[in-house]
Amino acid sequence: MESGNKVAKLFDYLKRLTNKTPIDESQEEFEKGYSQYMINRFFSCDKNLVILAKEMNRSGITNQMHFDFMDVAIPKSKKFIKYNLKKAKKDQDLQYLCEFYKINMDRAREYMRLISEDEMKEVRAFFEKRGKK
């Protein structure tokens, strides 16, 4: 990133991993901005990278280790991977429910059917106030 105040976003990391475009940021900014889950989710939409994403989803590694491995494993290319944004929003809501209520994904899916949109907005607001979008 050219601007010192600009924090890298998901698409900056994806561009870095696929096009090998450099990102200039501190380790603290990296830890805030990098999401193993979202990177794996995005790459799982590509038939050539789905196995890599699946394997990386299992491991309990740090963000830096995840990034370094993906950087080496993914060949340089100008990829366009179609990503389903509605499904991503639903998946994010499921993650929020899991963390908020300390439940597993199956239980979170049940909660999604039972809670109102207003209650879901409150859960989202809780995480957004913490800076976790």
N, C-alpha and C. Protein backbone atom coordinates (compact mmCIF):
# COMPACT_ATOMS: atom_id res chain seq x y z
N MET A 1 0.84 -1.17 0.00
CA MET A 1 0.00 0.00 0.00
C MET A 1 0.89 1.24 0.00
N GLU A 2 0.56 2.18 -0.81
CA GLU A 2 1.32 3.41 -0.87
C GLU A 2 1.04 4.28 0.35
N SER A 3 -0.20 4.39 0.72
CA SER A 3 -0.62 5.25 1.83
C SER A 3 -0.30 4.58 3.15
N GLY A 4 0.38 5.30 4.05
CA GLY A 4 0.74 4.73 5.34
C GLY A 4 -0.46 4.49 6.24
N ASN A 5 -1.57 5.20 6.04
CA ASN A 5 -2.74 5.07 6.89
C ASN A 5 -3.71 4.01 6.40
N LYS A 6 -3.52 3.54 5.19
CA LYS A 6 -4.48 2.61 4.61
C LYS A 6 -4.16 1.18 5.06
N VAL A 7 -5.13 0.50 5.64
CA VAL A 7 -4.96 -0.88 6.08
C VAL A 7 -5.38 -1.78 4.93
N ALA A 8 -4.60 -2.84 4.70
CA ALA A 8 -4.89 -3.78 3.62
C ALA A 8 -6.22 -4.48 3.88
N LYS A 9 -6.97 -4.67 2.82
CA LYS A 9 -8.26 -5.34 2.89
C LYS A 9 -8.14 -6.73 2.29
N LEU A 10 -9.19 -7.51 2.38
CA LEU A 10 -9.20 -8.87 1.87
C LEU A 10 -8.70 -8.94 0.44
N PHE A 11 -9.19 -8.06 -0.43
CA PHE A 11 -8.82 -8.13 -1.83
C PHE A 11 -7.36 -7.75 -2.07
N ASP A 12 -6.78 -6.96 -1.17
CA ASP A 12 -5.35 -6.66 -1.27
C ASP A 12 -4.54 -7.94 -1.02
N TYR A 13 -4.95 -8.73 -0.02
CA TYR A 13 -4.25 -9.98 0.28
C TYR A 13 -4.45 -10.98 -0.85
N LEU A 14 -5.65 -11.05 -1.39
CA LEU A 14 -5.91 -11.97 -2.49
C LEU A 14 -5.07 -11.60 -3.71
N LYS A 15 -4.96 -10.31 -3.98
CA LYS A 15 -4.15 -9.84 -5.10
C LYS A 15 -2.68 -10.17 -4.85
N ARG A 16 -2.25 -10.00 -3.62
CA ARG A 16 -0.87 -10.33 -3.27
C ARG A 16 -0.59 -11.81 -3.48
N LEU A 17 -1.51 -12.65 -3.06
CA LEU A 17 -1.30 -14.10 -3.16
C LEU A 17 -1.37 -14.60 -4.59
N THR A 18 -2.21 -14.00 -5.43
CA THR A 18 -2.33 -14.48 -6.81
C THR A 18 -1.41 -13.75 -7.77
N ASN A 19 -1.32 -12.42 -7.68
CA ASN A 19 -0.50 -11.63 -8.61
C ASN A 19 0.88 -11.33 -8.07
N LYS A 20 1.09 -11.64 -6.78
CA LYS A 20 2.37 -11.37 -6.10
C LYS A 20 2.66 -9.88 -6.02
N THR A 21 1.61 -9.08 -5.84
CA THR A 21 1.72 -7.63 -5.67
C THR A 21 2.11 -7.33 -4.22
N PRO A 22 3.14 -6.53 -3.98
CA PRO A 22 3.58 -6.29 -2.60
C PRO A 22 2.59 -5.47 -1.77
N ILE A 23 2.59 -5.75 -0.49
CA ILE A 23 1.77 -5.00 0.48
C ILE A 23 2.74 -4.46 1.54
N ASP A 24 2.69 -3.17 1.78
CA ASP A 24 3.56 -2.55 2.78
C ASP A 24 2.72 -2.20 4.01
N GLU A 25 2.88 -3.01 5.06
CA GLU A 25 2.13 -2.75 6.29
C GLU A 25 2.87 -3.37 7.47
N SER A 26 2.51 -2.93 8.66
CA SER A 26 3.15 -3.45 9.87
C SER A 26 2.53 -4.81 10.23
N GLN A 27 3.20 -5.51 11.12
CA GLN A 27 2.71 -6.82 11.56
C GLN A 27 1.37 -6.67 12.28
N GLU A 28 1.22 -5.59 13.04
CA GLU A 28 -0.03 -5.34 13.77
C GLU A 28 -1.20 -5.13 12.79
N GLU A 29 -0.97 -4.35 11.74
CA GLU A 29 -1.99 -4.13 10.71
C GLU A 29 -2.33 -5.44 10.00
N PHE A 30 -1.30 -6.24 9.76
CA PHE A 30 -1.49 -7.54 9.11
C PHE A 30 -2.39 -8.43 9.96
N GLU A 31 -2.12 -8.52 11.24
CA GLU A 31 -2.92 -9.37 12.13
C GLU A 31 -4.38 -8.91 12.19
N LYS A 32 -4.61 -7.59 12.11
CA LYS A 32 -5.99 -7.07 12.12
C LYS A 32 -6.71 -7.37 10.82
N GLY A 33 -6.01 -7.23 9.71
CA GLY A 33 -6.66 -7.31 8.40
C GLY A 33 -6.74 -8.68 7.77
N TYR A 34 -5.84 -9.58 8.12
CA TYR A 34 -5.77 -10.88 7.45
C TYR A 34 -6.74 -11.87 8.10
N SER A 35 -7.53 -12.53 7.28
CA SER A 35 -8.49 -13.52 7.77
C SER A 35 -8.27 -14.85 7.05
N GLN A 36 -7.73 -15.82 7.77
CA GLN A 36 -7.51 -17.15 7.18
C GLN A 36 -8.82 -17.71 6.63
N TYR A 37 -9.86 -17.54 7.41
CA TYR A 37 -11.17 -18.08 7.01
C TYR A 37 -11.61 -17.52 5.65
N MET A 38 -11.54 -16.20 5.50
CA MET A 38 -12.01 -15.58 4.26
C MET A 38 -11.09 -15.91 3.08
N ILE A 39 -9.79 -15.98 3.31
CA ILE A 39 -8.86 -16.37 2.24
C ILE A 39 -9.17 -17.79 1.80
N ASN A 40 -9.33 -18.70 2.75
CA ASN A 40 -9.67 -20.08 2.41
C ASN A 40 -11.01 -20.15 1.70
N ARG A 41 -11.96 -19.38 2.18
CA ARG A 41 -13.30 -19.36 1.59
C ARG A 41 -13.25 -18.91 0.13
N PHE A 42 -12.48 -17.85 -0.11
CA PHE A 42 -12.36 -17.32 -1.47
C PHE A 42 -11.69 -18.34 -2.39
N PHE A 43 -10.57 -18.92 -1.95
CA PHE A 43 -9.86 -19.86 -2.80
C PHE A 43 -10.59 -21.18 -2.97
N SER A 44 -11.51 -21.49 -2.06
CA SER A 44 -12.29 -22.72 -2.22
C SER A 44 -13.28 -22.61 -3.39
N CYS A 45 -13.49 -21.41 -3.92
CA CYS A 45 -14.37 -21.22 -5.08
C CYS A 45 -13.66 -21.56 -6.39
N ASP A 46 -12.36 -21.80 -6.35
CA ASP A 46 -11.59 -22.16 -7.53
C ASP A 46 -11.30 -23.66 -7.49
N LYS A 47 -11.69 -24.36 -8.56
CA LYS A 47 -11.53 -25.82 -8.56
C LYS A 47 -10.08 -26.27 -8.43
N ASN A 48 -9.13 -25.44 -8.85
CA ASN A 48 -7.72 -25.79 -8.75
C ASN A 48 -7.14 -25.53 -7.36
N LEU A 49 -7.80 -24.72 -6.58
CA LEU A 49 -7.27 -24.34 -5.26
C LEU A 49 -8.10 -24.87 -4.10
N VAL A 50 -9.20 -25.55 -4.39
CA VAL A 50 -10.11 -25.99 -3.33
C VAL A 50 -9.42 -26.95 -2.35
N ILE A 51 -8.59 -27.84 -2.83
CA ILE A 51 -7.93 -28.80 -1.94
C ILE A 51 -6.95 -28.08 -1.03
N LEU A 52 -6.23 -27.11 -1.59
CA LEU A 52 -5.31 -26.31 -0.78
C LEU A 52 -6.07 -25.56 0.32
N ALA A 53 -7.18 -24.95 -0.06
CA ALA A 53 -7.99 -24.21 0.92
C ALA A 53 -8.53 -25.15 2.00
N LYS A 54 -8.95 -26.32 1.59
CA LYS A 54 -9.49 -27.30 2.55
C LYS A 54 -8.43 -27.72 3.56
N GLU A 55 -7.24 -28.00 3.08
CA GLU A 55 -6.16 -28.41 3.97
C GLU A 55 -5.75 -27.29 4.92
N MET A 56 -5.70 -26.08 4.42
CA MET A 56 -5.31 -24.95 5.26
C MET A 56 -6.40 -24.61 6.28
N ASN A 57 -7.63 -24.98 5.98
CA ASN A 57 -8.75 -24.74 6.89
C ASN A 57 -8.67 -25.63 8.12
N ARG A 58 -8.03 -26.77 8.00
CA ARG A 58 -7.93 -27.72 9.10
C ARG A 58 -6.87 -27.35 10.13
N SER A 59 -5.80 -26.75 9.67
CA SER A 59 -4.64 -26.56 10.52
C SER A 59 -4.83 -25.40 11.50
N GLY A 60 -4.17 -25.51 12.63
CA GLY A 60 -4.21 -24.46 13.64
C GLY A 60 -2.92 -23.68 13.60
N ILE A 61 -2.76 -22.83 12.59
CA ILE A 61 -1.51 -22.09 12.41
C ILE A 61 -1.77 -20.59 12.54
N THR A 62 -0.69 -19.84 12.64
CA THR A 62 -0.82 -18.39 12.76
C THR A 62 -1.17 -17.77 11.40
N ASN A 63 -1.63 -16.53 11.44
CA ASN A 63 -1.94 -15.83 10.20
C ASN A 63 -0.70 -15.70 9.31
N GLN A 64 0.44 -15.41 9.90
CA GLN A 64 1.66 -15.24 9.11
C GLN A 64 2.07 -16.55 8.45
N MET A 65 1.98 -17.65 9.18
CA MET A 65 2.31 -18.96 8.61
C MET A 65 1.35 -19.29 7.46
N HIS A 66 0.08 -19.01 7.66
CA HIS A 66 -0.93 -19.26 6.63
C HIS A 66 -0.62 -18.45 5.38
N PHE A 67 -0.36 -17.16 5.55
CA PHE A 67 -0.06 -16.28 4.43
C PHE A 67 1.19 -16.76 3.69
N ASP A 68 2.26 -17.06 4.42
CA ASP A 68 3.51 -17.49 3.80
C ASP A 68 3.32 -18.77 3.00
N PHE A 69 2.59 -19.72 3.55
CA PHE A 69 2.36 -20.98 2.83
C PHE A 69 1.56 -20.73 1.55
N MET A 70 0.47 -19.97 1.68
CA MET A 70 -0.37 -19.69 0.50
C MET A 70 0.43 -18.92 -0.55
N ASP A 71 1.29 -18.02 -0.11
CA ASP A 71 2.09 -17.23 -1.03
C ASP A 71 3.00 -18.12 -1.88
N VAL A 72 3.57 -19.14 -1.26
CA VAL A 72 4.46 -20.06 -1.97
C VAL A 72 3.65 -21.07 -2.80
N ALA A 73 2.54 -21.56 -2.26
CA ALA A 73 1.79 -22.63 -2.91
C ALA A 73 0.96 -22.19 -4.11
N ILE A 74 0.49 -20.95 -4.11
CA ILE A 74 -0.37 -20.47 -5.20
C ILE A 74 0.51 -19.85 -6.29
N PRO A 75 0.41 -20.39 -7.50
CA PRO A 75 1.24 -19.84 -8.59
C PRO A 75 0.78 -18.44 -8.99
N LYS A 76 1.73 -17.65 -9.50
CA LYS A 76 1.41 -16.30 -9.95
C LYS A 76 0.49 -16.38 -11.16
N SER A 77 -0.63 -15.65 -11.08
CA SER A 77 -1.58 -15.62 -12.19
C SER A 77 -2.55 -14.47 -11.97
N LYS A 78 -3.21 -14.09 -13.03
CA LYS A 78 -4.26 -13.07 -12.92
C LYS A 78 -5.59 -13.82 -12.86
N LYS A 79 -5.93 -14.27 -11.68
CA LYS A 79 -7.14 -15.07 -11.47
C LYS A 79 -8.36 -14.18 -11.27
N PHE A 80 -9.45 -14.65 -11.79
CA PHE A 80 -10.75 -14.07 -11.46
C PHE A 80 -11.58 -15.21 -10.92
N ILE A 81 -11.86 -15.15 -9.63
CA ILE A 81 -12.64 -16.21 -9.00
C ILE A 81 -13.98 -15.63 -8.62
N LYS A 82 -15.03 -16.21 -9.14
CA LYS A 82 -16.38 -15.73 -8.83
C LYS A 82 -16.72 -16.12 -7.40
N TYR A 83 -17.14 -15.13 -6.64
CA TYR A 83 -17.43 -15.33 -5.23
C TYR A 83 -18.87 -14.95 -4.96
N ASN A 84 -19.60 -15.81 -4.28
CA ASN A 84 -21.01 -15.58 -3.98
C ASN A 84 -21.12 -14.74 -2.71
N LEU A 85 -21.41 -13.44 -2.88
CA LEU A 85 -21.44 -12.51 -1.76
C LEU A 85 -22.57 -12.79 -0.77
N LYS A 86 -23.76 -13.20 -1.27
CA LYS A 86 -24.86 -13.51 -0.36
C LYS A 86 -24.49 -14.68 0.54
N LYS A 87 -23.88 -15.70 -0.04
CA LYS A 87 -23.46 -16.86 0.74
C LYS A 87 -22.38 -16.45 1.74
N ALA A 88 -21.50 -15.57 1.33
CA ALA A 88 -20.45 -15.10 2.23
C ALA A 88 -21.05 -14.36 3.42
N LYS A 89 -22.07 -13.54 3.19
CA LYS A 89 -22.72 -12.80 4.28
C LYS A 89 -23.39 -13.78 5.25
N LYS A 90 -24.03 -14.80 4.69
CA LYS A 90 -24.68 -15.81 5.53
C LYS A 90 -23.63 -16.57 6.34
N ASP A 91 -22.51 -16.91 5.70
CA ASP A 91 -21.44 -17.61 6.40
C ASP A 91 -20.87 -16.74 7.52
N GLN A 92 -20.73 -15.45 7.25
CA GLN A 92 -20.22 -14.54 8.27
C GLN A 92 -21.20 -14.48 9.45
N ASP A 93 -22.49 -14.43 9.15
CA ASP A 93 -23.50 -14.43 10.21
C ASP A 93 -23.43 -15.72 11.04
N LEU A 94 -23.20 -16.84 10.38
CA LEU A 94 -23.06 -18.12 11.10
C LEU A 94 -21.83 -18.07 12.02
N GLN A 95 -20.73 -17.52 11.53
CA GLN A 95 -19.53 -17.38 12.35
C GLN A 95 -19.80 -16.50 13.57
N TYR A 96 -20.50 -15.39 13.33
CA TYR A 96 -20.86 -14.50 14.44
C TYR A 96 -21.69 -15.23 15.49
N LEU A 97 -22.69 -15.99 15.03
CA LEU A 97 -23.53 -16.73 15.97
C LEU A 97 -22.72 -17.75 16.76
N CYS A 98 -21.81 -18.44 16.09
CA CYS A 98 -20.95 -19.42 16.77
C CYS A 98 -20.15 -18.76 17.89
N GLU A 99 -19.55 -17.62 17.58
CA GLU A 99 -18.73 -16.94 18.56
C GLU A 99 -19.57 -16.27 19.66
N PHE A 100 -20.69 -15.69 19.27
CA PHE A 100 -21.53 -14.95 20.22
C PHE A 100 -22.15 -15.89 21.26
N TYR A 101 -22.70 -17.01 20.78
CA TYR A 101 -23.38 -17.95 21.68
C TYR A 101 -22.51 -19.13 22.09
N LYS A 102 -21.26 -19.19 21.59
CA LYS A 102 -20.33 -20.29 21.90
C LYS A 102 -20.96 -21.64 21.53
N ILE A 103 -21.38 -21.73 20.26
CA ILE A 103 -22.03 -22.94 19.75
C ILE A 103 -21.32 -23.41 18.48
N ASN A 104 -21.65 -24.64 18.04
CA ASN A 104 -21.06 -25.15 16.81
C ASN A 104 -21.89 -24.72 15.59
N MET A 105 -21.39 -25.03 14.39
CA MET A 105 -22.04 -24.58 13.16
C MET A 105 -23.45 -25.16 12.99
N ASP A 106 -23.64 -26.41 13.35
CA ASP A 106 -24.97 -27.02 13.21
C ASP A 106 -25.99 -26.28 14.07
N ARG A 107 -25.60 -26.00 15.28
CA ARG A 107 -26.49 -25.27 16.19
C ARG A 107 -26.72 -23.85 15.67
N ALA A 108 -25.69 -23.23 15.12
CA ALA A 108 -25.82 -21.87 14.57
C ALA A 108 -26.81 -21.84 13.41
N ARG A 109 -26.81 -22.88 12.58
CA ARG A 109 -27.79 -22.95 11.49
C ARG A 109 -29.22 -23.02 12.04
N GLU A 110 -29.40 -23.74 13.13
CA GLU A 110 -30.72 -23.79 13.78
C GLU A 110 -31.11 -22.41 14.29
N TYR A 111 -30.16 -21.73 14.94
CA TYR A 111 -30.41 -20.39 15.45
C TYR A 111 -30.80 -19.43 14.33
N MET A 112 -30.13 -19.56 13.16
CA MET A 112 -30.41 -18.68 12.02
C MET A 112 -31.88 -18.76 11.62
N ARG A 113 -32.46 -19.94 11.70
CA ARG A 113 -33.87 -20.11 11.33
C ARG A 113 -34.80 -19.54 12.39
N LEU A 114 -34.34 -19.49 13.63
CA LEU A 114 -35.21 -19.11 14.73
C LEU A 114 -35.16 -17.64 15.13
N ILE A 115 -34.02 -17.00 14.97
CA ILE A 115 -33.92 -15.62 15.44
C ILE A 115 -34.44 -14.63 14.39
N SER A 116 -34.87 -13.49 14.88
CA SER A 116 -35.39 -12.45 13.98
C SER A 116 -34.23 -11.66 13.36
N GLU A 117 -34.53 -10.90 12.34
CA GLU A 117 -33.52 -10.07 11.69
C GLU A 117 -33.00 -9.01 12.67
N ASP A 118 -33.88 -8.48 13.53
CA ASP A 118 -33.45 -7.49 14.52
C ASP A 118 -32.43 -8.09 15.50
N GLU A 119 -32.66 -9.33 15.92
CA GLU A 119 -31.72 -9.98 16.82
C GLU A 119 -30.37 -10.22 16.11
N MET A 120 -30.44 -10.59 14.84
CA MET A 120 -29.21 -10.81 14.08
C MET A 120 -28.44 -9.50 13.91
N LYS A 121 -29.17 -8.40 13.74
CA LYS A 121 -28.52 -7.08 13.63
C LYS A 121 -27.77 -6.75 14.91
N GLU A 122 -28.34 -7.12 16.04
CA GLU A 122 -27.68 -6.88 17.33
C GLU A 122 -26.38 -7.67 17.44
N VAL A 123 -26.42 -8.92 16.98
CA VAL A 123 -25.22 -9.76 17.01
C VAL A 123 -24.15 -9.16 16.10
N ARG A 124 -24.54 -8.77 14.88
CA ARG A 124 -23.59 -8.14 13.95
C ARG A 124 -23.00 -6.87 14.57
N ALA A 125 -23.86 -6.06 15.18
CA ALA A 125 -23.41 -4.80 15.79
C ALA A 125 -22.39 -5.07 16.90
N PHE A 126 -22.60 -6.13 17.66
CA PHE A 126 -21.66 -6.50 18.72
C PHE A 126 -20.26 -6.69 18.16
N PHE A 127 -20.14 -7.43 17.06
CA PHE A 127 -18.83 -7.71 16.46
C PHE A 127 -18.28 -6.49 15.73
N GLU A 128 -19.13 -5.70 15.11
CA GLU A 128 -18.66 -4.52 14.40
C GLU A 128 -18.13 -3.47 15.36
N LYS A 129 -18.71 -3.40 16.55
CA LYS A 129 -18.21 -2.47 17.57
C LYS A 129 -16.82 -2.88 18.04
N ARG A 130 -16.57 -4.18 18.03
CA ARG A 130 -15.25 -4.70 18.43
C ARG A 130 -14.23 -4.57 17.31
N GLY A 131 -14.70 -4.11 16.14
CA GLY A 131 -13.79 -3.94 15.01
C GLY A 131 -13.57 -5.21 14.23
N LYS A 132 -14.46 -6.19 14.42
CA LYS A 132 -14.31 -7.46 13.71
C LYS A 132 -15.38 -7.57 12.66
N LYS A 133 -15.06 -7.14 11.45
CA LYS A 133 -16.02 -7.19 10.35
C LYS A 133 -15.72 -8.35 9.45
